[in-house]
Amino acid sequence: MSRSHYLALFPLLIVFGACSADDDAAGTATVAPPATAEPADSGSISIADFSFSPAETHVSVGESVTWTNNDNQQHTATSAGNFDAGAIQPQQSASVTFDTAGTFVFICSFHPFMTGTIVVD
């Protein structure tokens, strides 16, 4: 193989090398099972690793929910026609007060695969 062929393959070696898992002393890797989302009776939601935690939050009419962005990029908490907490910068928080009972599904408008639910009693 010519030198230019090796140079062309070099970026692939870096990418594949970066994707390989580190071996521990026993030569095995441990993968944690996904956490199950339990409803929470709290008005606090953490944003981390591109997800809302807890995924379902219960509050009473007149109470607020506060989203705290623990990720390294901005996120939103948006429920079409119901509320929009706006862009929440990393290490910042935003709150919404709920004056009406109901179930409100919300997303991050920047990352629509991020979803959550607020149940207001």
C-alpha atoms as a PDB file:
ATOM      1  CA  MET A   1       0.000   0.000   0.000  1.00  0.00           C
ATOM      2  CA  SER A   2       1.276   3.464  -0.784  1.00  0.00           C
ATOM      3  CA  ARG A   3       1.815   6.124   1.852  1.00  0.00           C
ATOM      4  CA  SER A   4      -1.272   8.049   0.631  1.00  0.00           C
ATOM      5  CA  HIS A   5      -3.430   4.954   1.216  1.00  0.00           C
ATOM      6  CA  TYR A   6      -2.189   4.726   4.813  1.00  0.00           C
ATOM      7  CA  LEU A   7      -2.824   8.440   5.335  1.00  0.00           C
ATOM      8  CA  ALA A   8      -6.362   8.037   3.982  1.00  0.00           C
ATOM      9  CA  LEU A   9      -7.035   5.208   6.479  1.00  0.00           C
ATOM     10  CA  PHE A  10      -5.571   7.086   9.452  1.00  0.00           C
ATOM     11  CA  PRO A  11      -8.790   9.018  10.343  1.00  0.00           C
ATOM     12  CA  LEU A  12     -10.735   5.733  10.331  1.00  0.00           C
ATOM     13  CA  LEU A  13      -8.253   4.194  12.749  1.00  0.00           C
ATOM     14  CA  ILE A  14      -8.718   7.137  15.098  1.00  0.00           C
ATOM     15  CA  VAL A  15     -12.532   6.888  14.935  1.00  0.00           C
ATOM     16  CA  PHE A  16     -12.625   3.130  15.449  1.00  0.00           C
ATOM     17  CA  GLY A  17      -9.991   3.309  18.161  1.00  0.00           C
ATOM     18  CA  ALA A  18     -12.021   5.942  20.011  1.00  0.00           C
ATOM     19  CA  CYS A  19     -15.118   3.709  19.860  1.00  0.00           C
ATOM     20  CA  SER A  20     -13.483   0.683  21.425  1.00  0.00           C
ATOM     21  CA  ALA A  21     -14.234  -0.057  25.075  1.00  0.00           C
ATOM     22  CA  ASP A  22     -11.553  -0.034  27.733  1.00  0.00           C
ATOM     23  CA  ASP A  23     -10.986  -3.440  29.258  1.00  0.00           C
ATOM     24  CA  ASP A  24     -10.909  -3.782  33.006  1.00  0.00           C
ATOM     25  CA  ALA A  25      -8.630  -6.187  34.851  1.00  0.00           C
ATOM     26  CA  ALA A  26     -10.912  -9.155  34.139  1.00  0.00           C
ATOM     27  CA  GLY A  27     -11.246  -8.242  30.476  1.00  0.00           C
ATOM     28  CA  THR A  28     -14.999  -7.592  30.599  1.00  0.00           C
ATOM     29  CA  ALA A  29     -17.178  -4.507  30.275  1.00  0.00           C
ATOM     30  CA  THR A  30     -20.150  -3.739  32.499  1.00  0.00           C
ATOM     31  CA  VAL A  31     -23.278  -2.126  31.096  1.00  0.00           C
ATOM     32  CA  ALA A  32     -25.846  -0.765  33.543  1.00  0.00           C
ATOM     33  CA  PRO A  33     -29.488  -1.546  32.772  1.00  0.00           C
ATOM     34  CA  PRO A  34     -31.635   1.441  31.820  1.00  0.00           C
ATOM     35  CA  ALA A  35     -33.243   3.218  34.748  1.00  0.00           C
ATOM     36  CA  THR A  36     -36.996   2.921  35.048  1.00  0.00           C
ATOM     37  CA  ALA A  37     -38.865   6.209  35.215  1.00  0.00           C
ATOM     38  CA  GLU A  38     -40.997   6.451  38.332  1.00  0.00           C
ATOM     39  CA  PRO A  39     -43.518   9.257  38.705  1.00  0.00           C
ATOM     40  CA  ALA A  40     -42.293  11.901  41.112  1.00  0.00           C
ATOM     41  CA  ASP A  41     -44.333  14.074  43.441  1.00  0.00           C
ATOM     42  CA  SER A  42     -41.936  16.962  43.092  1.00  0.00           C
ATOM     43  CA  GLY A  43     -41.720  20.130  41.085  1.00  0.00           C
ATOM     44  CA  SER A  44     -38.059  19.614  40.138  1.00  0.00           C
ATOM     45  CA  ILE A  45     -36.874  18.093  36.882  1.00  0.00           C
ATOM     46  CA  SER A  46     -33.237  17.557  35.984  1.00  0.00           C
ATOM     47  CA  ILE A  47     -32.076  17.743  32.383  1.00  0.00           C
ATOM     48  CA  ALA A  48     -29.023  15.537  31.855  1.00  0.00           C
ATOM     49  CA  ASP A  49     -27.695  13.209  29.172  1.00  0.00           C
ATOM     50  CA  PHE A  50     -30.402  14.424  26.769  1.00  0.00           C
ATOM     51  CA  SER A  51     -33.296  13.347  28.981  1.00  0.00           C
ATOM     52  CA  PHE A  52     -35.708  14.706  31.579  1.00  0.00           C
ATOM     53  CA  SER A  53     -35.583  13.095  35.007  1.00  0.00           C
ATOM     54  CA  PRO A  54     -38.020  12.177  36.294  1.00  0.00           C
ATOM     55  CA  ALA A  55     -39.911  11.581  33.060  1.00  0.00           C
ATOM     56  CA  GLU A  56     -43.247  12.134  34.865  1.00  0.00           C
ATOM     57  CA  THR A  57     -43.809  14.740  37.557  1.00  0.00           C
ATOM     58  CA  HIS A  58     -46.932  15.365  39.678  1.00  0.00           C
ATOM     59  CA  VAL A  59     -47.813  18.782  41.117  1.00  0.00           C
ATOM     60  CA  SER A  60     -50.964  20.455  42.435  1.00  0.00           C
ATOM     61  CA  VAL A  61     -52.793  23.337  40.770  1.00  0.00           C
ATOM     62  CA  GLY A  62     -50.935  26.559  41.572  1.00  0.00           C
ATOM     63  CA  GLU A  63     -47.549  24.881  42.017  1.00  0.00           C
ATOM     64  CA  SER A  64     -44.500  25.367  39.825  1.00  0.00           C
ATOM     65  CA  VAL A  65     -42.181  22.975  38.050  1.00  0.00           C
ATOM     66  CA  THR A  66     -38.520  23.912  37.731  1.00  0.00           C
ATOM     67  CA  TRP A  67     -36.271  22.430  35.062  1.00  0.00           C
ATOM     68  CA  THR A  68     -32.524  22.551  35.803  1.00  0.00           C
ATOM     69  CA  ASN A  69     -30.214  22.035  32.835  1.00  0.00           C
ATOM     70  CA  ASN A  70     -27.292  19.863  33.926  1.00  0.00           C
ATOM     71  CA  ASP A  71     -26.223  19.203  30.326  1.00  0.00           C
ATOM     72  CA  ASN A  72     -23.546  21.043  28.377  1.00  0.00           C
ATOM     73  CA  GLN A  73     -25.919  22.602  25.830  1.00  0.00           C
ATOM     74  CA  GLN A  74     -29.224  24.434  25.930  1.00  0.00           C
ATOM     75  CA  HIS A  75     -32.592  22.692  26.095  1.00  0.00           C
ATOM     76  CA  THR A  76     -36.247  23.727  26.325  1.00  0.00           C
ATOM     77  CA  ALA A  77     -39.347  22.405  28.064  1.00  0.00           C
ATOM     78  CA  THR A  78     -42.183  23.044  25.626  1.00  0.00           C
ATOM     79  CA  SER A  79     -45.775  21.823  25.498  1.00  0.00           C
ATOM     80  CA  ALA A  80     -47.477  23.061  22.329  1.00  0.00           C
ATOM     81  CA  GLY A  81     -50.204  25.543  23.222  1.00  0.00           C
ATOM     82  CA  ASN A  82     -49.716  25.015  26.973  1.00  0.00           C
ATOM     83  CA  PHE A  83     -46.332  26.349  28.080  1.00  0.00           C
ATOM     84  CA  ASP A  84     -42.793  27.104  26.925  1.00  0.00           C
ATOM     85  CA  ALA A  85     -40.016  27.509  29.496  1.00  0.00           C
ATOM     86  CA  GLY A  86     -37.770  28.988  26.779  1.00  0.00           C
ATOM     87  CA  ALA A  87     -34.156  28.117  26.085  1.00  0.00           C
ATOM     88  CA  ILE A  88     -32.517  26.920  29.306  1.00  0.00           C
ATOM     89  CA  GLN A  89     -28.775  27.455  29.203  1.00  0.00           C
ATOM     90  CA  PRO A  90     -26.347  24.917  30.744  1.00  0.00           C
ATOM     91  CA  GLN A  91     -26.303  25.128  34.561  1.00  0.00           C
ATOM     92  CA  GLN A  92     -29.404  27.379  34.549  1.00  0.00           C
ATOM     93  CA  SER A  93     -33.048  26.786  35.536  1.00  0.00           C
ATOM     94  CA  ALA A  94     -36.491  27.831  34.347  1.00  0.00           C
ATOM     95  CA  SER A  95     -39.886  27.482  36.049  1.00  0.00           C
ATOM     96  CA  VAL A  96     -43.518  27.297  34.966  1.00  0.00           C
ATOM     97  CA  THR A  97     -46.518  27.657  37.291  1.00  0.00           C
ATOM     98  CA  PHE A  98     -49.539  25.463  36.534  1.00  0.00           C
ATOM     99  CA  ASP A  99     -52.927  27.096  37.154  1.00  0.00           C
ATOM    100  CA  THR A 100     -55.011  24.397  35.459  1.00  0.00           C
ATOM    101  CA  ALA A 101     -55.372  20.683  36.205  1.00  0.00           C
ATOM    102  CA  GLY A 102     -54.461  18.290  33.433  1.00  0.00           C
ATOM    103  CA  THR A 103     -51.756  16.169  31.893  1.00  0.00           C
ATOM    104  CA  PHE A 104     -49.171  18.043  29.853  1.00  0.00           C
ATOM    105  CA  VAL A 105     -46.697  16.238  27.600  1.00  0.00           C
ATOM    106  CA  PHE A 106     -43.607  18.307  26.866  1.00  0.00           C
ATOM    107  CA  ILE A 107     -40.493  18.068  24.696  1.00  0.00           C
ATOM    108  CA  CYS A 108     -37.211  19.823  24.185  1.00  0.00           C
ATOM    109  CA  SER A 109     -37.845  21.751  20.970  1.00  0.00           C
ATOM    110  CA  PHE A 110     -34.121  21.476  20.096  1.00  0.00           C
ATOM    111  CA  HIS A 111     -34.107  17.691  20.692  1.00  0.00           C
ATOM    112  CA  PRO A 112     -37.693  16.407  20.147  1.00  0.00           C
ATOM    113  CA  PHE A 113     -36.770  12.872  21.223  1.00  0.00           C
ATOM    114  CA  MET A 114     -36.533  14.289  24.773  1.00  0.00           C
ATOM    115  CA  THR A 115     -40.018  13.998  26.300  1.00  0.00           C
ATOM    116  CA  GLY A 116     -41.674  14.236  29.676  1.00  0.00           C
ATOM    117  CA  THR A 117     -45.074  14.571  31.330  1.00  0.00           C
ATOM    118  CA  ILE A 118     -46.450  16.923  33.978  1.00  0.00           C
ATOM    119  CA  VAL A 119     -49.606  15.759  35.789  1.00  0.00           C
ATOM    120  CA  VAL A 120     -51.378  18.618  37.579  1.00  0.00           C
ATOM    121  CA  ASP A 121     -54.022  17.554  40.140  1.00  0.00           C
END
